[in-house]
Amino acid sequence: IKKWLDQENTWYFCDTLMGLGDEVLLKKHNVACLKR
């Protein structure tokens, strides 16, 4: 998913941190996690 998110116009949304996996993904502009 990290490689996929490096491409233009790719977006990942999850609600819980458990669905995020590696929290380093939160640093990406195209990742949004509700954290609940």
PDB file of all heavy atoms in Angstrom:
ATOM      1  N   ILE A   1       0.835  -1.211   0.000  1.00  0.00           N
ATOM      2  CA  ILE A   1       0.000   0.000   0.000  1.00  0.00           C
ATOM      3  C   ILE A   1       0.868   1.259   0.000  1.00  0.00           C
ATOM      4  O   ILE A   1       0.490   2.292  -0.569  1.00  0.00           O
ATOM      5  CB  ILE A   1      -0.993   0.026   1.184  1.00  0.00           C
ATOM      6  CG1 ILE A   1      -2.068   1.091   0.913  1.00  0.00           C
ATOM      7  CG2 ILE A   1      -0.289   0.279   2.505  1.00  0.00           C
ATOM      8  CD1 ILE A   1      -3.211   1.095   1.902  1.00  0.00           C
ATOM      9  N   LYS A   2       2.037   1.190   0.613  1.00  0.00           N
ATOM     10  CA  LYS A   2       2.928   2.356   0.598  1.00  0.00           C
ATOM     11  C   LYS A   2       3.339   2.706  -0.835  1.00  0.00           C
ATOM     12  O   LYS A   2       3.353   3.882  -1.214  1.00  0.00           O
ATOM     13  CB  LYS A   2       4.168   2.083   1.455  1.00  0.00           C
ATOM     14  CG  LYS A   2       3.884   2.054   2.952  1.00  0.00           C
ATOM     15  CD  LYS A   2       5.129   1.677   3.740  1.00  0.00           C
ATOM     16  CE  LYS A   2       4.833   1.576   5.228  1.00  0.00           C
ATOM     17  NZ  LYS A   2       6.027   1.142   6.006  1.00  0.00           N
ATOM     18  N   LYS A   3       3.633   1.690  -1.636  1.00  0.00           N
ATOM     19  CA  LYS A   3       3.990   1.931  -3.039  1.00  0.00           C
ATOM     20  C   LYS A   3       2.804   2.503  -3.804  1.00  0.00           C
ATOM     21  O   LYS A   3       2.952   3.412  -4.623  1.00  0.00           O
ATOM     22  CB  LYS A   3       4.467   0.626  -3.695  1.00  0.00           C
ATOM     23  CG  LYS A   3       5.799   0.117  -3.176  1.00  0.00           C
ATOM     24  CD  LYS A   3       6.193  -1.170  -3.899  1.00  0.00           C
ATOM     25  CE  LYS A   3       7.518  -1.702  -3.382  1.00  0.00           C
ATOM     26  NZ  LYS A   3       7.900  -2.982  -4.063  1.00  0.00           N
ATOM     27  N   TRP A   4       1.615   1.964  -3.532  1.00  0.00           N
ATOM     28  CA  TRP A   4       0.415   2.444  -4.220  1.00  0.00           C
ATOM     29  C   TRP A   4       0.134   3.895  -3.874  1.00  0.00           C
ATOM     30  O   TRP A   4      -0.199   4.702  -4.740  1.00  0.00           O
ATOM     31  CB  TRP A   4      -0.763   1.556  -3.848  1.00  0.00           C
ATOM     32  CG  TRP A   4      -2.055   1.945  -4.504  1.00  0.00           C
ATOM     33  CD1 TRP A   4      -2.382   1.803  -5.827  1.00  0.00           C
ATOM     34  CD2 TRP A   4      -3.199   2.529  -3.876  1.00  0.00           C
ATOM     35  NE1 TRP A   4      -3.666   2.263  -6.052  1.00  0.00           N
ATOM     36  CE2 TRP A   4      -4.185   2.719  -4.871  1.00  0.00           C
ATOM     37  CE3 TRP A   4      -3.489   2.905  -2.560  1.00  0.00           C
ATOM     38  CZ2 TRP A   4      -5.444   3.263  -4.588  1.00  0.00           C
ATOM     39  CZ3 TRP A   4      -4.728   3.441  -2.274  1.00  0.00           C
ATOM     40  CH2 TRP A   4      -5.688   3.633  -3.283  1.00  0.00           C
ATOM     41  N   LEU A   5       0.294   4.237  -2.609  1.00  0.00           N
ATOM     42  CA  LEU A   5       0.005   5.599  -2.166  1.00  0.00           C
ATOM     43  C   LEU A   5       1.035   6.615  -2.661  1.00  0.00           C
ATOM     44  O   LEU A   5       0.794   7.823  -2.611  1.00  0.00           O
ATOM     45  CB  LEU A   5      -0.077   5.647  -0.632  1.00  0.00           C
ATOM     46  CG  LEU A   5      -1.329   4.990  -0.027  1.00  0.00           C
ATOM     47  CD1 LEU A   5      -1.169   4.819   1.477  1.00  0.00           C
ATOM     48  CD2 LEU A   5      -2.575   5.812  -0.347  1.00  0.00           C
ATOM     49  N   ASP A   6       2.162   6.147  -3.150  1.00  0.00           N
ATOM     50  CA  ASP A   6       3.161   7.046  -3.737  1.00  0.00           C
ATOM     51  C   ASP A   6       2.741   7.526  -5.123  1.00  0.00           C
ATOM     52  O   ASP A   6       3.333   8.462  -5.666  1.00  0.00           O
ATOM     53  CB  ASP A   6       4.525   6.353  -3.818  1.00  0.00           C
ATOM     54  CG  ASP A   6       5.224   6.287  -2.460  1.00  0.00           C
ATOM     55  OD1 ASP A   6       4.854   7.085  -1.573  1.00  0.00           O
ATOM     56  OD2 ASP A   6       6.111   5.429  -2.293  1.00  0.00           O
ATOM     57  N   GLN A   7       1.736   6.886  -5.704  1.00  0.00           N
ATOM     58  CA  GLN A   7       1.237   7.304  -7.009  1.00  0.00           C
ATOM     59  C   GLN A   7       0.293   8.496  -6.857  1.00  0.00           C
ATOM     60  O   GLN A   7      -0.273   8.739  -5.786  1.00  0.00           O
ATOM     61  CB  GLN A   7       0.487   6.146  -7.686  1.00  0.00           C
ATOM     62  CG  GLN A   7       1.336   4.914  -7.929  1.00  0.00           C
ATOM     63  CD  GLN A   7       0.533   3.826  -8.618  1.00  0.00           C
ATOM     64  OE1 GLN A   7       0.258   3.896  -9.811  1.00  0.00           O
ATOM     65  NE2 GLN A   7       0.137   2.810  -7.868  1.00  0.00           N
ATOM     66  N   GLU A   8       0.107   9.223  -7.935  1.00  0.00           N
ATOM     67  CA  GLU A   8      -0.779  10.390  -7.924  1.00  0.00           C
ATOM     68  C   GLU A   8      -2.238   9.959  -7.809  1.00  0.00           C
ATOM     69  O   GLU A   8      -2.645   8.944  -8.375  1.00  0.00           O
ATOM     70  CB  GLU A   8      -0.590  11.214  -9.206  1.00  0.00           C
ATOM     71  CG  GLU A   8       0.739  11.945  -9.290  1.00  0.00           C
ATOM     72  CD  GLU A   8       0.878  13.031  -8.246  1.00  0.00           C
ATOM     73  OE1 GLU A   8      -0.161  13.661  -7.910  1.00  0.00           O
ATOM     74  OE2 GLU A   8       1.995  13.249  -7.745  1.00  0.00           O
ATOM     75  N   ASN A   9      -3.002  10.744  -7.080  1.00  0.00           N
ATOM     76  CA  ASN A   9      -4.451  10.577  -6.993  1.00  0.00           C
ATOM     77  C   ASN A   9      -4.849   9.192  -6.485  1.00  0.00           C
ATOM     78  O   ASN A   9      -5.722   8.517  -7.039  1.00  0.00           O
ATOM     79  CB  ASN A   9      -5.105  10.843  -8.351  1.00  0.00           C
ATOM     80  CG  ASN A   9      -6.582  11.199  -8.228  1.00  0.00           C
ATOM     81  OD1 ASN A   9      -7.041  11.626  -7.170  1.00  0.00           O
ATOM     82  ND2 ASN A   9      -7.333  11.020  -9.306  1.00  0.00           N
ATOM     83  N   THR A  10      -4.188   8.760  -5.417  1.00  0.00           N
ATOM     84  CA  THR A  10      -4.588   7.550  -4.688  1.00  0.00           C
ATOM     85  C   THR A  10      -4.917   7.976  -3.267  1.00  0.00           C
ATOM     86  O   THR A  10      -4.237   8.815  -2.686  1.00  0.00           O
ATOM     87  CB  THR A  10      -3.453   6.504  -4.661  1.00  0.00           C
ATOM     88  OG1 THR A  10      -2.245   7.117  -4.162  1.00  0.00           O
ATOM     89  CG2 THR A  10      -3.195   5.937  -6.047  1.00  0.00           C
ATOM     90  N   TRP A  11      -5.957   7.374  -2.695  1.00  0.00           N
ATOM     91  CA  TRP A  11      -6.469   7.822  -1.413  1.00  0.00           C
ATOM     92  C   TRP A  11      -6.863   6.640  -0.549  1.00  0.00           C
ATOM     93  O   TRP A  11      -7.499   5.707  -1.024  1.00  0.00           O
ATOM     94  CB  TRP A  11      -7.682   8.741  -1.611  1.00  0.00           C
ATOM     95  CG  TRP A  11      -7.393   9.871  -2.551  1.00  0.00           C
ATOM     96  CD1 TRP A  11      -7.523   9.870  -3.919  1.00  0.00           C
ATOM     97  CD2 TRP A  11      -6.872  11.151  -2.196  1.00  0.00           C
ATOM     98  NE1 TRP A  11      -7.130  11.074  -4.428  1.00  0.00           N
ATOM     99  CE2 TRP A  11      -6.728  11.889  -3.399  1.00  0.00           C
ATOM    100  CE3 TRP A  11      -6.537  11.758  -0.984  1.00  0.00           C
ATOM    101  CZ2 TRP A  11      -6.232  13.190  -3.420  1.00  0.00           C
ATOM    102  CZ3 TRP A  11      -6.052  13.058  -1.001  1.00  0.00           C
ATOM    103  CH2 TRP A  11      -5.907  13.765  -2.202  1.00  0.00           C
ATOM    104  N   TYR A  12      -6.486   6.708   0.737  1.00  0.00           N
ATOM    105  CA  TYR A  12      -6.845   5.646   1.674  1.00  0.00           C
ATOM    106  C   TYR A  12      -7.539   6.233   2.896  1.00  0.00           C
ATOM    107  O   TYR A  12      -7.031   7.152   3.529  1.00  0.00           O
ATOM    108  CB  TYR A  12      -5.600   4.869   2.121  1.00  0.00           C
ATOM    109  CG  TYR A  12      -5.916   3.780   3.130  1.00  0.00           C
ATOM    110  CD1 TYR A  12      -6.814   2.766   2.827  1.00  0.00           C
ATOM    111  CD2 TYR A  12      -5.315   3.767   4.395  1.00  0.00           C
ATOM    112  CE1 TYR A  12      -7.113   1.777   3.742  1.00  0.00           C
ATOM    113  CE2 TYR A  12      -5.614   2.770   5.317  1.00  0.00           C
ATOM    114  CZ  TYR A  12      -6.514   1.777   4.981  1.00  0.00           C
ATOM    115  OH  TYR A  12      -6.828   0.807   5.890  1.00  0.00           O
ATOM    116  N   PHE A  13      -8.719   5.682   3.221  1.00  0.00           N
ATOM    117  CA  PHE A  13      -9.494   6.093   4.385  1.00  0.00           C
ATOM    118  C   PHE A  13      -9.742   4.868   5.271  1.00  0.00           C
ATOM    119  O   PHE A  13     -10.168   3.819   4.787  1.00  0.00           O
ATOM    120  CB  PHE A  13     -10.855   6.662   3.972  1.00  0.00           C
ATOM    121  CG  PHE A  13     -10.793   7.971   3.241  1.00  0.00           C
ATOM    122  CD1 PHE A  13     -10.573   8.008   1.872  1.00  0.00           C
ATOM    123  CD2 PHE A  13     -10.971   9.170   3.920  1.00  0.00           C
ATOM    124  CE1 PHE A  13     -10.528   9.208   1.182  1.00  0.00           C
ATOM    125  CE2 PHE A  13     -10.929  10.384   3.241  1.00  0.00           C
ATOM    126  CZ  PHE A  13     -10.712  10.406   1.876  1.00  0.00           C
ATOM    127  N   CYS A  14      -9.507   5.017   6.563  1.00  0.00           N
ATOM    128  CA  CYS A  14      -9.892   3.985   7.525  1.00  0.00           C
ATOM    129  C   CYS A  14     -10.385   4.677   8.788  1.00  0.00           C
ATOM    130  O   CYS A  14     -10.047   5.834   9.038  1.00  0.00           O
ATOM    131  CB  CYS A  14      -8.738   3.039   7.844  1.00  0.00           C
ATOM    132  SG  CYS A  14      -7.322   3.826   8.637  1.00  0.00           S
ATOM    133  N   ASP A  15     -11.195   3.978   9.562  1.00  0.00           N
ATOM    134  CA  ASP A  15     -11.707   4.622  10.766  1.00  0.00           C
ATOM    135  C   ASP A  15     -10.826   4.355  11.991  1.00  0.00           C
ATOM    136  O   ASP A  15     -10.465   5.281  12.704  1.00  0.00           O
ATOM    137  CB  ASP A  15     -13.170   4.256  11.025  1.00  0.00           C
ATOM    138  CG  ASP A  15     -13.442   2.756  11.030  1.00  0.00           C
ATOM    139  OD1 ASP A  15     -12.527   1.965  10.714  1.00  0.00           O
ATOM    140  OD2 ASP A  15     -14.587   2.385  11.357  1.00  0.00           O
ATOM    141  N   THR A  16     -10.422   3.135  12.236  1.00  0.00           N
ATOM    142  CA  THR A  16      -9.634   2.838  13.429  1.00  0.00           C
ATOM    143  C   THR A  16      -8.143   2.711  13.107  1.00  0.00           C
ATOM    144  O   THR A  16      -7.757   2.379  11.985  1.00  0.00           O
ATOM    145  CB  THR A  16     -10.087   1.528  14.095  1.00  0.00           C
ATOM    146  OG1 THR A  16      -9.711   0.418  13.259  1.00  0.00           O
ATOM    147  CG2 THR A  16     -11.599   1.517  14.306  1.00  0.00           C
ATOM    148  N   LEU A  17      -7.321   2.943  14.110  1.00  0.00           N
ATOM    149  CA  LEU A  17      -5.881   2.742  13.948  1.00  0.00           C
ATOM    150  C   LEU A  17      -5.565   1.275  13.690  1.00  0.00           C
ATOM    151  O   LEU A  17      -4.549   0.954  13.076  1.00  0.00           O
ATOM    152  CB  LEU A  17      -5.140   3.228  15.197  1.00  0.00           C
ATOM    153  CG  LEU A  17      -5.069   4.750  15.378  1.00  0.00           C
ATOM    154  CD1 LEU A  17      -4.527   5.102  16.761  1.00  0.00           C
ATOM    155  CD2 LEU A  17      -4.200   5.394  14.295  1.00  0.00           C
ATOM    156  N   MET A  18      -6.441   0.376  14.143  1.00  0.00           N
ATOM    157  CA  MET A  18      -6.241  -1.051  13.886  1.00  0.00           C
ATOM    158  C   MET A  18      -6.321  -1.347  12.395  1.00  0.00           C
ATOM    159  O   MET A  18      -5.712  -2.290  11.909  1.00  0.00           O
ATOM    160  CB  MET A  18      -7.284  -1.862  14.647  1.00  0.00           C
ATOM    161  CG  MET A  18      -7.178  -1.751  16.156  1.00  0.00           C
ATOM    162  SD  MET A  18      -8.533  -2.581  17.033  1.00  0.00           S
ATOM    163  CE  MET A  18      -8.140  -4.286  16.703  1.00  0.00           C
ATOM    164  N   GLY A  19      -7.065  -0.552  11.664  1.00  0.00           N
ATOM    165  CA  GLY A  19      -7.177  -0.739  10.229  1.00  0.00           C
ATOM    166  C   GLY A  19      -6.090  -0.028   9.449  1.00  0.00           C
ATOM    167  O   GLY A  19      -6.006  -0.155   8.227  1.00  0.00           O
ATOM    168  N   LEU A  20      -5.263   0.721  10.170  1.00  0.00           N
ATOM    169  CA  LEU A  20      -4.206   1.493   9.518  1.00  0.00           C
ATOM    170  C   LEU A  20      -2.940   0.676   9.318  1.00  0.00           C
ATOM    171  O   LEU A  20      -2.270   0.787   8.299  1.00  0.00           O
ATOM    172  CB  LEU A  20      -3.894   2.740  10.359  1.00  0.00           C
ATOM    173  CG  LEU A  20      -2.907   3.734   9.769  1.00  0.00           C
ATOM    174  CD1 LEU A  20      -3.498   4.422   8.542  1.00  0.00           C
ATOM    175  CD2 LEU A  20      -2.515   4.783  10.814  1.00  0.00           C
ATOM    176  N   GLY A  21      -2.627  -0.156  10.312  1.00  0.00           N
ATOM    177  CA  GLY A  21      -1.364  -0.882  10.253  1.00  0.00           C
ATOM    178  C   GLY A  21      -0.240   0.006  10.747  1.00  0.00           C
ATOM    179  O   GLY A  21      -0.221   0.433  11.901  1.00  0.00           O
ATOM    180  N   ASP A  22       0.687   0.331   9.891  1.00  0.00           N
ATOM    181  CA  ASP A  22       1.832   1.174  10.232  1.00  0.00           C
ATOM    182  C   ASP A  22       1.393   2.634  10.343  1.00  0.00           C
ATOM    183  O   ASP A  22       0.925   3.225   9.370  1.00  0.00           O
ATOM    184  CB  ASP A  22       2.910   1.022   9.155  1.00  0.00           C
ATOM    185  CG  ASP A  22       4.230   1.663   9.567  1.00  0.00           C
ATOM    186  OD1 ASP A  22       4.232   2.484  10.501  1.00  0.00           O
ATOM    187  OD2 ASP A  22       5.250   1.349   8.938  1.00  0.00           O
ATOM    188  N   GLU A  23       1.554   3.228  11.524  1.00  0.00           N
ATOM    189  CA  GLU A  23       1.090   4.603  11.727  1.00  0.00           C
ATOM    190  C   GLU A  23       1.911   5.626  10.958  1.00  0.00           C
ATOM    191  O   GLU A  23       1.546   6.805  10.909  1.00  0.00           O
ATOM    192  CB  GLU A  23       1.065   4.940  13.219  1.00  0.00           C
ATOM    193  CG  GLU A  23      -0.003   4.165  13.982  1.00  0.00           C
ATOM    194  CD  GLU A  23      -0.208   4.649  15.398  1.00  0.00           C
ATOM    195  OE1 GLU A  23       0.089   5.837  15.666  1.00  0.00           O
ATOM    196  OE2 GLU A  23      -0.651   3.847  16.241  1.00  0.00           O
ATOM    197  N   VAL A  24       2.999   5.200  10.332  1.00  0.00           N
ATOM    198  CA  VAL A  24       3.761   6.118   9.481  1.00  0.00           C
ATOM    199  C   VAL A  24       2.923   6.585   8.307  1.00  0.00           C
ATOM    200  O   VAL A  24       3.174   7.653   7.728  1.00  0.00           O
ATOM    201  CB  VAL A  24       5.072   5.448   8.990  1.00  0.00           C
ATOM    202  CG1 VAL A  24       4.780   4.386   7.930  1.00  0.00           C
ATOM    203  CG2 VAL A  24       6.051   6.487   8.442  1.00  0.00           C
ATOM    204  N   LEU A  25       1.890   5.811   7.972  1.00  0.00           N
ATOM    205  CA  LEU A  25       1.003   6.195   6.880  1.00  0.00           C
ATOM    206  C   LEU A  25       0.278   7.510   7.167  1.00  0.00           C
ATOM    207  O   LEU A  25      -0.146   8.215   6.243  1.00  0.00           O
ATOM    208  CB  LEU A  25      -0.032   5.096   6.616  1.00  0.00           C
ATOM    209  CG  LEU A  25       0.484   3.776   6.039  1.00  0.00           C
ATOM    210  CD1 LEU A  25      -0.662   2.778   5.900  1.00  0.00           C
ATOM    211  CD2 LEU A  25       1.157   3.990   4.696  1.00  0.00           C
ATOM    212  N   LEU A  26       0.125   7.853   8.445  1.00  0.00           N
ATOM    213  CA  LEU A  26      -0.562   9.085   8.812  1.00  0.00           C
ATOM    214  C   LEU A  26       0.163  10.326   8.306  1.00  0.00           C
ATOM    215  O   LEU A  26      -0.440  11.397   8.200  1.00  0.00           O
ATOM    216  CB  LEU A  26      -0.718   9.171  10.334  1.00  0.00           C
ATOM    217  CG  LEU A  26      -1.690   8.182  10.980  1.00  0.00           C
ATOM    218  CD1 LEU A  26      -1.609   8.272  12.492  1.00  0.00           C
ATOM    219  CD2 LEU A  26      -3.113   8.448  10.505  1.00  0.00           C
ATOM    220  N   LYS A  27       1.431  10.186   7.986  1.00  0.00           N
ATOM    221  CA  LYS A  27       2.213  11.323   7.492  1.00  0.00           C
ATOM    222  C   LYS A  27       1.897  11.655   6.036  1.00  0.00           C
ATOM    223  O   LYS A  27       2.271  12.724   5.547  1.00  0.00           O
ATOM    224  CB  LYS A  27       3.707  11.034   7.643  1.00  0.00           C
ATOM    225  CG  LYS A  27       4.158  10.834   9.093  1.00  0.00           C
ATOM    226  CD  LYS A  27       5.649  10.517   9.173  1.00  0.00           C
ATOM    227  CE  LYS A  27       6.083  10.315  10.612  1.00  0.00           C
ATOM    228  NZ  LYS A  27       7.541   9.977  10.710  1.00  0.00           N
ATOM    229  N   LYS A  28       1.219  10.742   5.363  1.00  0.00           N
ATOM    230  CA  LYS A  28       0.916  10.950   3.950  1.00  0.00           C
ATOM    231  C   LYS A  28      -0.329  11.828   3.796  1.00  0.00           C
ATOM    232  O   LYS A  28      -1.310  11.664   4.520  1.00  0.00           O
ATOM    233  CB  LYS A  28       0.701   9.607   3.239  1.00  0.00           C
ATOM    234  CG  LYS A  28       1.980   8.759   3.119  1.00  0.00           C
ATOM    235  CD  LYS A  28       1.709   7.485   2.363  1.00  0.00           C
ATOM    236  CE  LYS A  28       2.991   6.721   2.105  1.00  0.00           C
ATOM    237  NZ  LYS A  28       3.879   7.428   1.142  1.00  0.00           N
ATOM    238  N   HIS A  29      -0.285  12.734   2.839  1.00  0.00           N
ATOM    239  CA  HIS A  29      -1.410  13.641   2.625  1.00  0.00           C
ATOM    240  C   HIS A  29      -2.656  12.926   2.124  1.00  0.00           C
ATOM    241  O   HIS A  29      -3.780  13.429   2.280  1.00  0.00           O
ATOM    242  CB  HIS A  29      -1.018  14.732   1.616  1.00  0.00           C
ATOM    243  CG  HIS A  29      -0.977  14.237   0.199  1.00  0.00           C
ATOM    244  ND1 HIS A  29       0.138  13.622  -0.347  1.00  0.00           N
ATOM    245  CD2 HIS A  29      -1.927  14.234  -0.788  1.00  0.00           C
ATOM    246  CE1 HIS A  29      -0.123  13.284  -1.600  1.00  0.00           C
ATOM    247  NE2 HIS A  29      -1.364  13.641  -1.892  1.00  0.00           N
ATOM    248  N   ASN A  30      -2.462  11.757   1.543  1.00  0.00           N
ATOM    249  CA  ASN A  30      -3.580  11.027   0.942  1.00  0.00           C
ATOM    250  C   ASN A  30      -4.092   9.888   1.819  1.00  0.00           C
ATOM    251  O   ASN A  30      -4.743   8.961   1.337  1.00  0.00           O
ATOM    252  CB  ASN A  30      -3.204  10.500  -0.444  1.00  0.00           C
ATOM    253  CG  ASN A  30      -1.868   9.761  -0.461  1.00  0.00           C
ATOM    254  OD1 ASN A  30      -1.113   9.789   0.498  1.00  0.00           O
ATOM    255  ND2 ASN A  30      -1.576   9.108  -1.578  1.00  0.00           N
ATOM    256  N   VAL A  31      -3.793   9.957   3.110  1.00  0.00           N
ATOM    257  CA  VAL A  31      -4.281   8.981   4.086  1.00  0.00           C
ATOM    258  C   VAL A  31      -5.060   9.716   5.170  1.00  0.00           C
ATOM    259  O   VAL A  31      -4.585  10.723   5.706  1.00  0.00           O
ATOM    260  CB  VAL A  31      -3.123   8.188   4.725  1.00  0.00           C
ATOM    261  CG1 VAL A  31      -3.632   7.311   5.867  1.00  0.00           C
ATOM    262  CG2 VAL A  31      -2.420   7.332   3.683  1.00  0.00           C
ATOM    263  N   ALA A  32      -6.245   9.231   5.485  1.00  0.00           N
ATOM    264  CA  ALA A  32      -7.058   9.828   6.540  1.00  0.00           C
ATOM    265  C   ALA A  32      -7.565   8.727   7.459  1.00  0.00           C
ATOM    266  O   ALA A  32      -8.168   7.754   6.995  1.00  0.00           O
ATOM    267  CB  ALA A  32      -8.243  10.590   5.950  1.00  0.00           C
ATOM    268  N   CYS A  33      -7.291   8.865   8.748  1.00  0.00           N
ATOM    269  CA  CYS A  33      -7.744   7.885   9.736  1.00  0.00           C
ATOM    270  C   CYS A  33      -8.545   8.608  10.816  1.00  0.00           C
ATOM    271  O   CYS A  33      -8.069   9.565  11.417  1.00  0.00           O
ATOM    272  CB  CYS A  33      -6.553   7.157  10.360  1.00  0.00           C
ATOM    273  SG  CYS A  33      -7.032   5.919  11.592  1.00  0.00           S
ATOM    274  N   LEU A  34      -9.749   8.145  11.055  1.00  0.00           N
ATOM    275  CA  LEU A  34     -10.636   8.749  12.042  1.00  0.00           C
ATOM    276  C   LEU A  34     -10.148   8.501  13.468  1.00  0.00           C
ATOM    277  O   LEU A  34     -10.467   9.246  14.386  1.00  0.00           O
ATOM    278  CB  LEU A  34     -12.051   8.173  11.864  1.00  0.00           C
ATOM    279  CG  LEU A  34     -13.210   8.822  12.585  1.00  0.00           C
ATOM    280  CD1 LEU A  34     -13.367  10.280  12.175  1.00  0.00           C
ATOM    281  CD2 LEU A  34     -14.497   8.053  12.302  1.00  0.00           C
ATOM    282  N   LYS A  35      -9.388   7.440  13.658  1.00  0.00           N
ATOM    283  CA  LYS A  35      -8.827   7.029  14.949  1.00  0.00           C
ATOM    284  C   LYS A  35      -9.899   6.615  15.958  1.00  0.00           C
ATOM    285  O   LYS A  35      -9.687   6.683  17.162  1.00  0.00           O
ATOM    286  CB  LYS A  35      -7.928   8.127  15.539  1.00  0.00           C
ATOM    287  CG  LYS A  35      -6.743   8.482  14.665  1.00  0.00           C
ATOM    288  CD  LYS A  35      -5.863   9.531  15.319  1.00  0.00           C
ATOM    289  CE  LYS A  35      -4.706   9.915  14.421  1.00  0.00           C
ATOM    290  NZ  LYS A  35      -3.846  10.948  15.034  1.00  0.00           N
ATOM    291  N   ARG A  36     -11.018   6.195  15.477  1.00  0.00           N
ATOM    292  CA  ARG A  36     -12.069   5.627  16.325  1.00  0.00           C
ATOM    293  C   ARG A  36     -13.021   4.847  15.417  1.00  0.00           C
ATOM    294  O   ARG A  36     -13.023   5.034  14.200  1.00  0.00           O
ATOM    295  CB  ARG A  36     -12.839   6.703  17.084  1.00  0.00           C
ATOM    296  CG  ARG A  36     -13.617   7.659  16.197  1.00  0.00           C
ATOM    297  CD  ARG A  36     -14.521   8.567  17.008  1.00  0.00           C
ATOM    298  NE  ARG A  36     -15.237   9.508  16.169  1.00  0.00           N
ATOM    299  CZ  ARG A  36     -16.337   9.224  15.480  1.00  0.00           C
ATOM    300  NH1 ARG A  36     -16.834   7.994  15.514  1.00  0.00           N
ATOM    301  NH2 ARG A  36     -16.941  10.141  14.743  1.00  0.00           N
TER     302      ARG A  36
END
